Amino acid sequence: MIELQPAAPETLLRHTGRLHRIYRECFAGPPWSEPETWLARYPQHVRRQLANPGAGGWLARDDGRIVGAVYGWSAPPALPRDTPFDKAVAEAAPATALPRMLAPALVVGELMVAESYRRRGIAARLLRAYVMAAPTAWLVTHRDGAAPHFYRRQGWREEAEFASEGVPMRLFTWAAAPRT
């Protein structure tokens, strides 16, 4: 049985090796087809992501073995423009999406499930667990492949299409149902 557990940044970092293997499974092939240099940088990339204020996530485990993860951080009050990716997101984001992308929103940095565990609802459970306490959230995924359809089925709203470093992307936002 797959169990989900919340994970602080230090817990996620302690499992960088396993997460790196899952990351490779998810992003080495189409549609991402990340080059080996990008895949090899995952440990540094995850450390940078988890250094953001409000970072954390959830792990999916099968009999103790990590089979999936979602993590991210608290959105800042303004969209950053520090990297080419940040700049591309900021330029692509329509003004109408900003209320769902800025504090107190969550940024979903990564959502990944080991290949042999896909199509079991694990990604949907991880995503719901991560955003359930937030009023809004946002993420970016590859334009092609199954991910955009998955996010739409989960109630996420497609806001924009853009490219970053030649990779075609889609920006999605989510908002919690209004409380009555």
N, C-alpha and C. Protein backbone atom coordinates (compact mmCIF):
# COMPACT_ATOMS: atom_id res chain seq x y z
N MET A 1 0.85 -1.19 0.00
CA MET A 1 0.00 0.00 0.00
C MET A 1 0.89 1.25 0.00
N ILE A 2 0.53 2.19 -0.82
CA ILE A 2 1.31 3.43 -0.93
C ILE A 2 0.89 4.37 0.20
N GLU A 3 1.88 4.81 0.94
CA GLU A 3 1.64 5.76 2.03
C GLU A 3 2.29 7.09 1.68
N LEU A 4 1.60 8.18 2.01
CA LEU A 4 2.15 9.52 1.82
C LEU A 4 2.57 10.08 3.15
N GLN A 5 3.67 10.81 3.15
CA GLN A 5 4.12 11.46 4.37
C GLN A 5 4.68 12.83 4.05
N PRO A 6 4.37 13.81 4.90
CA PRO A 6 4.96 15.14 4.68
C PRO A 6 6.48 15.06 4.87
N ALA A 7 7.19 15.92 4.16
CA ALA A 7 8.65 15.89 4.22
C ALA A 7 9.21 17.31 4.29
N ALA A 8 9.97 17.55 5.33
CA ALA A 8 10.69 18.81 5.47
C ALA A 8 11.87 18.82 4.50
N PRO A 9 12.43 19.99 4.21
CA PRO A 9 13.55 20.04 3.27
C PRO A 9 14.70 19.10 3.65
N GLU A 10 15.03 19.01 4.93
CA GLU A 10 16.14 18.15 5.33
C GLU A 10 15.84 16.67 5.04
N THR A 11 14.58 16.27 5.16
CA THR A 11 14.20 14.90 4.83
C THR A 11 14.34 14.65 3.34
N LEU A 12 13.85 15.58 2.53
CA LEU A 12 13.97 15.45 1.09
C LEU A 12 15.45 15.41 0.67
N LEU A 13 16.26 16.26 1.25
CA LEU A 13 17.68 16.30 0.91
C LEU A 13 18.40 15.02 1.33
N ARG A 14 17.97 14.43 2.43
CA ARG A 14 18.56 13.17 2.89
C ARG A 14 18.32 12.05 1.86
N HIS A 15 17.28 12.20 1.05
CA HIS A 15 16.93 11.18 0.07
C HIS A 15 17.24 11.63 -1.36
N THR A 16 18.18 12.55 -1.52
CA THR A 16 18.52 13.08 -2.84
C THR A 16 18.89 11.96 -3.82
N GLY A 17 19.61 10.96 -3.37
CA GLY A 17 20.03 9.87 -4.26
C GLY A 17 18.83 9.17 -4.88
N ARG A 18 17.86 8.77 -4.07
CA ARG A 18 16.66 8.09 -4.59
C ARG A 18 15.84 9.05 -5.45
N LEU A 19 15.68 10.29 -4.99
CA LEU A 19 14.92 11.27 -5.78
C LEU A 19 15.59 11.53 -7.12
N HIS A 20 16.93 11.53 -7.13
CA HIS A 20 17.66 11.75 -8.38
C HIS A 20 17.35 10.62 -9.37
N ARG A 21 17.29 9.38 -8.89
CA ARG A 21 16.97 8.26 -9.78
C ARG A 21 15.56 8.41 -10.36
N ILE A 22 14.60 8.81 -9.52
CA ILE A 22 13.23 9.01 -10.00
C ILE A 22 13.19 10.19 -10.98
N TYR A 23 13.92 11.26 -10.66
CA TYR A 23 13.99 12.42 -11.54
C TYR A 23 14.47 12.00 -12.94
N ARG A 24 15.53 11.19 -12.98
CA ARG A 24 16.05 10.71 -14.27
C ARG A 24 14.98 9.94 -15.04
N GLU A 25 14.25 9.07 -14.33
CA GLU A 25 13.19 8.29 -14.99
C GLU A 25 12.14 9.21 -15.61
N CYS A 26 11.85 10.30 -14.91
CA CYS A 26 10.79 11.21 -15.35
C CYS A 26 11.23 12.18 -16.45
N PHE A 27 12.49 12.60 -16.42
CA PHE A 27 12.89 13.72 -17.28
C PHE A 27 13.97 13.40 -18.32
N ALA A 28 14.49 12.17 -18.34
CA ALA A 28 15.50 11.82 -19.34
C ALA A 28 14.87 11.56 -20.70
N GLY A 29 13.65 11.03 -20.71
CA GLY A 29 12.99 10.71 -21.97
C GLY A 29 12.00 11.77 -22.39
N PRO A 30 11.34 11.52 -23.53
CA PRO A 30 10.34 12.47 -24.02
C PRO A 30 9.19 12.65 -23.03
N PRO A 31 8.57 13.80 -22.97
CA PRO A 31 8.85 14.95 -23.84
C PRO A 31 10.02 15.81 -23.36
N TRP A 32 10.47 15.62 -22.11
CA TRP A 32 11.52 16.49 -21.59
C TRP A 32 12.86 16.27 -22.28
N SER A 33 13.29 15.03 -22.33
CA SER A 33 14.57 14.68 -22.95
C SER A 33 15.71 15.59 -22.48
N GLU A 34 15.79 15.75 -21.16
CA GLU A 34 16.83 16.62 -20.61
C GLU A 34 18.21 16.06 -20.93
N PRO A 35 19.14 16.92 -21.33
CA PRO A 35 20.50 16.44 -21.60
C PRO A 35 21.17 15.95 -20.31
N GLU A 36 22.15 15.10 -20.47
CA GLU A 36 22.85 14.52 -19.32
C GLU A 36 23.40 15.59 -18.38
N THR A 37 23.87 16.70 -18.93
CA THR A 37 24.41 17.76 -18.06
C THR A 37 23.33 18.30 -17.12
N TRP A 38 22.08 18.44 -17.61
CA TRP A 38 20.98 18.91 -16.76
C TRP A 38 20.62 17.86 -15.73
N LEU A 39 20.53 16.60 -16.18
CA LEU A 39 20.18 15.51 -15.26
C LEU A 39 21.21 15.38 -14.14
N ALA A 40 22.47 15.53 -14.49
CA ALA A 40 23.55 15.40 -13.50
C ALA A 40 23.51 16.52 -12.46
N ARG A 41 22.94 17.67 -12.83
CA ARG A 41 22.88 18.81 -11.90
C ARG A 41 21.73 18.72 -10.90
N TYR A 42 20.93 17.66 -10.96
CA TYR A 42 19.76 17.56 -10.07
C TYR A 42 20.11 17.78 -8.60
N PRO A 43 21.15 17.16 -8.04
CA PRO A 43 21.43 17.38 -6.60
C PRO A 43 21.62 18.87 -6.26
N GLN A 44 22.31 19.62 -7.10
CA GLN A 44 22.49 21.05 -6.85
C GLN A 44 21.16 21.80 -7.03
N HIS A 45 20.42 21.39 -8.04
CA HIS A 45 19.12 22.00 -8.35
C HIS A 45 18.16 21.84 -7.17
N VAL A 46 18.04 20.64 -6.64
CA VAL A 46 17.11 20.40 -5.54
C VAL A 46 17.55 21.15 -4.28
N ARG A 47 18.86 21.24 -4.05
CA ARG A 47 19.34 22.02 -2.89
C ARG A 47 18.93 23.48 -3.01
N ARG A 48 19.07 24.05 -4.22
CA ARG A 48 18.66 25.44 -4.43
C ARG A 48 17.15 25.60 -4.22
N GLN A 49 16.38 24.69 -4.79
CA GLN A 49 14.93 24.78 -4.66
C GLN A 49 14.51 24.70 -3.19
N LEU A 50 15.08 23.77 -2.45
CA LEU A 50 14.67 23.55 -1.07
C LEU A 50 15.25 24.59 -0.10
N ALA A 51 16.09 25.48 -0.61
CA ALA A 51 16.59 26.58 0.21
C ALA A 51 15.62 27.75 0.21
N ASN A 52 14.61 27.70 -0.65
CA ASN A 52 13.62 28.77 -0.70
C ASN A 52 12.79 28.80 0.58
N PRO A 53 12.36 29.97 1.01
CA PRO A 53 11.51 30.07 2.20
C PRO A 53 10.23 29.25 2.02
N GLY A 54 9.85 28.55 3.08
CA GLY A 54 8.62 27.77 3.07
C GLY A 54 8.71 26.47 2.30
N ALA A 55 9.93 26.02 1.99
CA ALA A 55 10.10 24.79 1.22
C ALA A 55 9.66 23.57 2.01
N GLY A 56 9.19 22.59 1.29
CA GLY A 56 8.78 21.31 1.87
C GLY A 56 8.08 20.50 0.81
N GLY A 57 7.56 19.35 1.22
CA GLY A 57 6.88 18.51 0.25
C GLY A 57 6.29 17.27 0.88
N TRP A 58 6.07 16.29 0.05
CA TRP A 58 5.50 15.01 0.45
C TRP A 58 6.24 13.90 -0.28
N LEU A 59 6.37 12.77 0.39
CA LEU A 59 6.95 11.57 -0.21
C LEU A 59 5.89 10.49 -0.30
N ALA A 60 5.96 9.69 -1.35
CA ALA A 60 5.12 8.49 -1.49
C ALA A 60 6.05 7.30 -1.26
N ARG A 61 5.61 6.40 -0.39
CA ARG A 61 6.43 5.23 -0.07
C ARG A 61 5.63 3.95 -0.26
N ASP A 62 6.31 2.93 -0.75
CA ASP A 62 5.75 1.60 -0.84
C ASP A 62 6.63 0.71 0.02
N ASP A 63 6.08 0.26 1.12
CA ASP A 63 6.83 -0.57 2.06
C ASP A 63 8.15 0.11 2.45
N GLY A 64 8.09 1.42 2.67
CA GLY A 64 9.26 2.18 3.09
C GLY A 64 10.10 2.75 1.96
N ARG A 65 9.97 2.21 0.76
CA ARG A 65 10.77 2.66 -0.38
C ARG A 65 10.12 3.88 -1.03
N ILE A 66 10.89 4.92 -1.27
CA ILE A 66 10.36 6.13 -1.92
C ILE A 66 10.07 5.83 -3.38
N VAL A 67 8.81 6.09 -3.78
CA VAL A 67 8.39 5.84 -5.16
C VAL A 67 7.88 7.11 -5.84
N GLY A 68 7.80 8.20 -5.09
CA GLY A 68 7.35 9.45 -5.67
C GLY A 68 7.55 10.59 -4.71
N ALA A 69 7.49 11.80 -5.23
CA ALA A 69 7.67 12.99 -4.39
C ALA A 69 7.07 14.21 -5.07
N VAL A 70 6.68 15.14 -4.25
CA VAL A 70 6.31 16.48 -4.70
C VAL A 70 6.96 17.44 -3.72
N TYR A 71 7.48 18.53 -4.24
CA TYR A 71 8.02 19.54 -3.33
C TYR A 71 8.01 20.90 -4.01
N GLY A 72 8.13 21.89 -3.17
CA GLY A 72 8.13 23.26 -3.66
C GLY A 72 8.38 24.21 -2.51
N TRP A 73 7.86 25.43 -2.62
CA TRP A 73 8.14 26.46 -1.63
C TRP A 73 7.04 27.51 -1.67
N SER A 74 7.09 28.39 -0.72
CA SER A 74 6.14 29.51 -0.66
C SER A 74 6.49 30.53 -1.74
N ALA A 75 5.48 30.97 -2.46
CA ALA A 75 5.71 31.98 -3.49
C ALA A 75 6.07 33.32 -2.85
N PRO A 76 6.95 34.06 -3.48
CA PRO A 76 7.29 35.38 -2.97
C PRO A 76 6.20 36.40 -3.34
N PRO A 77 6.28 37.62 -2.81
CA PRO A 77 5.27 38.64 -3.12
C PRO A 77 5.36 39.18 -4.55
N ALA A 78 6.47 38.92 -5.25
CA ALA A 78 6.62 39.32 -6.65
C ALA A 78 7.34 38.19 -7.38
N LEU A 79 7.04 38.01 -8.65
CA LEU A 79 7.71 36.95 -9.41
C LEU A 79 9.19 37.30 -9.58
N PRO A 80 10.07 36.34 -9.27
CA PRO A 80 11.51 36.61 -9.43
C PRO A 80 11.89 36.66 -10.90
N ARG A 81 13.03 37.28 -11.16
CA ARG A 81 13.57 37.36 -12.53
C ARG A 81 15.06 37.05 -12.51
N ASP A 82 15.47 36.21 -11.55
CA ASP A 82 16.90 35.93 -11.34
C ASP A 82 17.53 35.02 -12.40
N THR A 83 16.77 34.11 -12.97
CA THR A 83 17.30 33.15 -13.93
C THR A 83 16.54 33.29 -15.25
N PRO A 84 17.07 32.71 -16.32
CA PRO A 84 16.32 32.75 -17.59
C PRO A 84 14.92 32.12 -17.44
N PHE A 85 14.82 31.05 -16.66
CA PHE A 85 13.51 30.42 -16.43
C PHE A 85 12.58 31.38 -15.70
N ASP A 86 13.06 31.97 -14.59
CA ASP A 86 12.24 32.93 -13.84
C ASP A 86 11.75 34.06 -14.73
N LYS A 87 12.66 34.58 -15.55
CA LYS A 87 12.32 35.68 -16.44
C LYS A 87 11.24 35.26 -17.44
N ALA A 88 11.37 34.05 -18.00
CA ALA A 88 10.40 33.56 -18.97
C ALA A 88 9.02 33.39 -18.32
N VAL A 89 8.99 32.87 -17.09
CA VAL A 89 7.72 32.72 -16.38
C VAL A 89 7.09 34.09 -16.14
N ALA A 90 7.88 35.02 -15.63
CA ALA A 90 7.37 36.36 -15.31
C ALA A 90 6.83 37.05 -16.55
N GLU A 91 7.50 36.89 -17.67
CA GLU A 91 7.04 37.53 -18.90
C GLU A 91 5.80 36.86 -19.49
N ALA A 92 5.66 35.55 -19.26
CA ALA A 92 4.53 34.80 -19.82
C ALA A 92 3.27 34.91 -18.97
N ALA A 93 3.43 35.10 -17.68
CA ALA A 93 2.28 35.08 -16.76
C ALA A 93 1.33 36.23 -17.04
N PRO A 94 0.08 35.92 -17.36
CA PRO A 94 -0.88 37.00 -17.56
C PRO A 94 -1.22 37.67 -16.23
N ALA A 95 -1.54 38.93 -16.27
CA ALA A 95 -1.88 39.68 -15.05
C ALA A 95 -3.00 39.00 -14.27
N THR A 96 -3.93 38.37 -14.98
CA THR A 96 -5.06 37.71 -14.31
C THR A 96 -4.61 36.49 -13.49
N ALA A 97 -3.43 35.93 -13.79
CA ALA A 97 -2.93 34.76 -13.06
C ALA A 97 -2.14 35.14 -11.82
N LEU A 98 -1.66 36.36 -11.75
CA LEU A 98 -0.78 36.76 -10.64
C LEU A 98 -1.38 36.53 -9.25
N PRO A 99 -2.68 36.76 -9.03
CA PRO A 99 -3.21 36.48 -7.69
C PRO A 99 -3.07 35.02 -7.26
N ARG A 100 -2.93 34.10 -8.23
CA ARG A 100 -2.76 32.69 -7.91
C ARG A 100 -1.29 32.28 -7.89
N MET A 101 -0.39 33.23 -8.19
CA MET A 101 1.03 32.91 -8.29
C MET A 101 1.90 33.58 -7.23
N LEU A 102 1.35 34.56 -6.54
CA LEU A 102 2.13 35.31 -5.57
C LEU A 102 1.72 34.95 -4.15
N ALA A 103 2.56 35.28 -3.18
CA ALA A 103 2.27 34.97 -1.77
C ALA A 103 0.83 35.35 -1.46
N PRO A 104 0.13 34.45 -0.81
CA PRO A 104 0.53 33.24 -0.09
C PRO A 104 0.46 31.95 -0.90
N ALA A 105 0.64 31.99 -2.19
CA ALA A 105 0.60 30.80 -3.04
C ALA A 105 1.77 29.87 -2.77
N LEU A 106 1.63 28.65 -3.24
CA LEU A 106 2.74 27.69 -3.24
C LEU A 106 3.24 27.53 -4.67
N VAL A 107 4.53 27.32 -4.80
CA VAL A 107 5.15 26.97 -6.07
C VAL A 107 5.41 25.47 -6.03
N VAL A 108 4.92 24.74 -7.01
CA VAL A 108 5.21 23.31 -7.11
C VAL A 108 6.48 23.19 -7.95
N GLY A 109 7.58 22.85 -7.30
CA GLY A 109 8.87 22.76 -7.99
C GLY A 109 9.03 21.48 -8.78
N GLU A 110 8.65 20.36 -8.19
CA GLU A 110 8.74 19.07 -8.87
C GLU A 110 7.62 18.16 -8.38
N LEU A 111 7.09 17.37 -9.29
CA LEU A 111 6.18 16.28 -9.00
C LEU A 111 6.67 15.12 -9.83
N MET A 112 7.01 14.01 -9.17
CA MET A 112 7.57 12.88 -9.91
C MET A 112 7.21 11.56 -9.24
N VAL A 113 6.99 10.55 -10.07
CA VAL A 113 6.65 9.22 -9.61
C VAL A 113 7.48 8.23 -10.41
N ALA A 114 8.06 7.25 -9.72
CA ALA A 114 8.87 6.22 -10.39
C ALA A 114 8.04 5.55 -11.49
N GLU A 115 8.70 5.23 -12.57
CA GLU A 115 8.02 4.70 -13.74
C GLU A 115 7.15 3.48 -13.43
N SER A 116 7.63 2.57 -12.64
CA SER A 116 6.87 1.35 -12.35
C SER A 116 5.67 1.59 -11.44
N TYR A 117 5.52 2.81 -10.94
CA TYR A 117 4.40 3.15 -10.05
C TYR A 117 3.41 4.13 -10.68
N ARG A 118 3.60 4.45 -11.93
CA ARG A 118 2.71 5.41 -12.59
C ARG A 118 1.36 4.79 -12.90
N ARG A 119 0.39 5.66 -13.11
CA ARG A 119 -1.00 5.29 -13.44
C ARG A 119 -1.69 4.56 -12.30
N ARG A 120 -1.31 4.91 -11.07
CA ARG A 120 -1.96 4.35 -9.88
C ARG A 120 -2.58 5.44 -9.01
N GLY A 121 -2.57 6.67 -9.51
CA GLY A 121 -3.14 7.79 -8.76
C GLY A 121 -2.19 8.41 -7.75
N ILE A 122 -0.94 7.99 -7.75
CA ILE A 122 0.03 8.49 -6.77
C ILE A 122 0.33 9.97 -7.00
N ALA A 123 0.54 10.36 -8.24
CA ALA A 123 0.84 11.77 -8.54
C ALA A 123 -0.32 12.66 -8.10
N ALA A 124 -1.55 12.25 -8.37
CA ALA A 124 -2.71 13.05 -7.97
C ALA A 124 -2.78 13.17 -6.45
N ARG A 125 -2.52 12.09 -5.74
CA ARG A 125 -2.54 12.12 -4.27
C ARG A 125 -1.45 13.03 -3.73
N LEU A 126 -0.24 12.93 -4.30
CA LEU A 126 0.87 13.78 -3.85
C LEU A 126 0.54 15.25 -4.08
N LEU A 127 0.04 15.56 -5.26
CA LEU A 127 -0.27 16.95 -5.60
C LEU A 127 -1.33 17.51 -4.67
N ARG A 128 -2.40 16.75 -4.45
CA ARG A 128 -3.47 17.21 -3.53
C ARG A 128 -2.92 17.41 -2.12
N ALA A 129 -2.11 16.47 -1.65
CA ALA A 129 -1.55 16.58 -0.30
C ALA A 129 -0.71 17.85 -0.16
N TYR A 130 0.07 18.14 -1.18
CA TYR A 130 0.96 19.30 -1.11
C TYR A 130 0.20 20.63 -1.12
N VAL A 131 -0.82 20.75 -1.94
CA VAL A 131 -1.49 22.05 -2.07
C VAL A 131 -2.71 22.21 -1.17
N MET A 132 -3.12 21.16 -0.45
CA MET A 132 -4.40 21.19 0.26
C MET A 132 -4.54 22.33 1.27
N ALA A 133 -3.47 22.77 1.87
CA ALA A 133 -3.58 23.83 2.87
C ALA A 133 -3.35 25.23 2.29
N ALA A 134 -3.03 25.28 1.01
CA ALA A 134 -2.73 26.57 0.38
C ALA A 134 -3.97 27.16 -0.29
N PRO A 135 -4.06 28.48 -0.35
CA PRO A 135 -5.19 29.07 -1.06
C PRO A 135 -5.02 28.96 -2.58
N THR A 136 -3.76 29.02 -3.05
CA THR A 136 -3.47 28.95 -4.49
C THR A 136 -2.10 28.31 -4.68
N ALA A 137 -1.83 27.90 -5.92
CA ALA A 137 -0.53 27.31 -6.25
C ALA A 137 -0.31 27.46 -7.75
N TRP A 138 0.95 27.28 -8.15
CA TRP A 138 1.26 27.30 -9.58
C TRP A 138 2.42 26.38 -9.88
N LEU A 139 2.52 26.01 -11.14
CA LEU A 139 3.59 25.14 -11.61
C LEU A 139 3.78 25.33 -13.10
N VAL A 140 4.89 24.80 -13.58
CA VAL A 140 5.19 24.82 -15.00
C VAL A 140 5.52 23.39 -15.41
N THR A 141 5.03 23.00 -16.57
CA THR A 141 5.35 21.67 -17.11
C THR A 141 5.65 21.78 -18.60
N HIS A 142 6.13 20.70 -19.14
CA HIS A 142 6.41 20.66 -20.58
C HIS A 142 5.09 20.79 -21.35
N ARG A 143 5.15 21.44 -22.46
CA ARG A 143 3.95 21.65 -23.27
C ARG A 143 3.38 20.33 -23.80
N ASP A 144 4.26 19.39 -24.11
CA ASP A 144 3.84 18.15 -24.74
C ASP A 144 3.73 17.03 -23.70
N GLY A 145 3.25 15.90 -24.12
CA GLY A 145 3.14 14.74 -23.24
C GLY A 145 1.85 14.75 -22.44
N ALA A 146 1.80 13.89 -21.45
CA ALA A 146 0.58 13.67 -20.67
C ALA A 146 0.36 14.68 -19.54
N ALA A 147 1.39 15.36 -19.10
CA ALA A 147 1.28 16.22 -17.92
C ALA A 147 0.21 17.31 -18.04
N PRO A 148 0.15 18.07 -19.14
CA PRO A 148 -0.90 19.10 -19.20
C PRO A 148 -2.31 18.54 -19.03
N HIS A 149 -2.57 17.41 -19.66
CA HIS A 149 -3.88 16.77 -19.51
C HIS A 149 -4.11 16.35 -18.06
N PHE A 150 -3.10 15.80 -17.42
CA PHE A 150 -3.18 15.40 -16.01
C PHE A 150 -3.55 16.60 -15.13
N TYR A 151 -2.86 17.72 -15.31
CA TYR A 151 -3.13 18.89 -14.47
C TYR A 151 -4.53 19.44 -14.70
N ARG A 152 -4.97 19.46 -15.94
CA ARG A 152 -6.34 19.90 -16.21
C ARG A 152 -7.35 18.99 -15.49
N ARG A 153 -7.14 17.69 -15.53
CA ARG A 153 -8.04 16.75 -14.85
C ARG A 153 -8.04 16.98 -13.34
N GLN A 154 -6.94 17.48 -12.81
CA GLN A 154 -6.85 17.74 -11.37
C GLN A 154 -7.44 19.10 -10.98
N GLY A 155 -7.98 19.82 -11.96
CA GLY A 155 -8.60 21.10 -11.68
C GLY A 155 -7.68 22.31 -11.82
N TRP A 156 -6.52 22.11 -12.39
CA TRP A 156 -5.59 23.21 -12.60
C TRP A 156 -5.97 23.95 -13.88
N ARG A 157 -5.66 25.21 -13.91
CA ARG A 157 -6.03 26.09 -15.03
C ARG A 157 -4.78 26.44 -15.84
N GLU A 158 -4.84 26.20 -17.15
CA GLU A 158 -3.73 26.56 -18.00
C GLU A 158 -3.77 28.06 -18.25
N GLU A 159 -2.66 28.73 -17.97
CA GLU A 159 -2.60 30.19 -18.05
C GLU A 159 -1.82 30.70 -19.25
N ALA A 160 -0.75 30.01 -19.62
CA ALA A 160 0.11 30.53 -20.69
C ALA A 160 1.00 29.43 -21.24
N GLU A 161 1.44 29.66 -22.47
CA GLU A 161 2.46 28.84 -23.11
C GLU A 161 3.66 29.73 -23.35
N PHE A 162 4.85 29.18 -23.14
CA PHE A 162 6.08 29.94 -23.37
C PHE A 162 7.22 28.96 -23.54
N ALA A 163 8.40 29.47 -23.78
CA ALA A 163 9.59 28.61 -23.88
C ALA A 163 10.66 29.16 -22.95
N SER A 164 11.43 28.24 -22.41
CA SER A 164 12.58 28.60 -21.59
C SER A 164 13.75 27.72 -22.03
N GLU A 165 14.82 28.35 -22.44
CA GLU A 165 16.01 27.64 -22.95
C GLU A 165 15.63 26.63 -24.03
N GLY A 166 14.69 27.04 -24.90
CA GLY A 166 14.28 26.21 -26.02
C GLY A 166 13.26 25.13 -25.68
N VAL A 167 12.86 25.02 -24.43
CA VAL A 167 11.91 23.98 -24.02
C VAL A 167 10.50 24.60 -23.98
N PRO A 168 9.55 24.02 -24.73
CA PRO A 168 8.18 24.55 -24.71
C PRO A 168 7.47 24.21 -23.40
N MET A 169 6.92 25.21 -22.74
CA MET A 169 6.34 25.05 -21.42
C MET A 169 4.89 25.52 -21.38
N ARG A 170 4.19 25.06 -20.34
CA ARG A 170 2.85 25.55 -20.02
C ARG A 170 2.81 25.91 -18.55
N LEU A 171 2.20 27.04 -18.28
CA LEU A 171 2.03 27.54 -16.92
C LEU A 171 0.62 27.20 -16.46
N PHE A 172 0.52 26.57 -15.28
CA PHE A 172 -0.76 26.21 -14.70
C PHE A 172 -0.90 26.84 -13.31
N THR A 173 -2.13 27.22 -12.96
CA THR A 173 -2.42 27.70 -11.61
C THR A 173 -3.58 26.88 -11.05
N TRP A 174 -3.70 26.94 -9.74
CA TRP A 174 -4.76 26.24 -9.02
C TRP A 174 -5.25 27.14 -7.89
N ALA A 175 -6.52 27.07 -7.61
CA ALA A 175 -7.09 27.80 -6.47
C ALA A 175 -8.00 26.86 -5.70
N ALA A 176 -7.89 26.93 -4.39
CA ALA A 176 -8.74 26.11 -3.53
C ALA A 176 -10.20 26.52 -3.73
N ALA A 177 -11.07 25.58 -3.54
CA ALA A 177 -12.50 25.89 -3.64
C ALA A 177 -12.85 26.89 -2.55
N PRO A 178 -13.72 27.85 -2.85
CA PRO A 178 -14.11 28.82 -1.84
C PRO A 178 -14.75 28.12 -0.63
N ARG A 179 -14.38 28.60 0.54
CA ARG A 179 -14.94 28.02 1.77
C ARG A 179 -16.27 28.68 2.06
N THR A 180 -17.22 27.85 2.45
CA THR A 180 -18.55 28.40 2.75
C THR A 180 -18.80 28.43 4.24
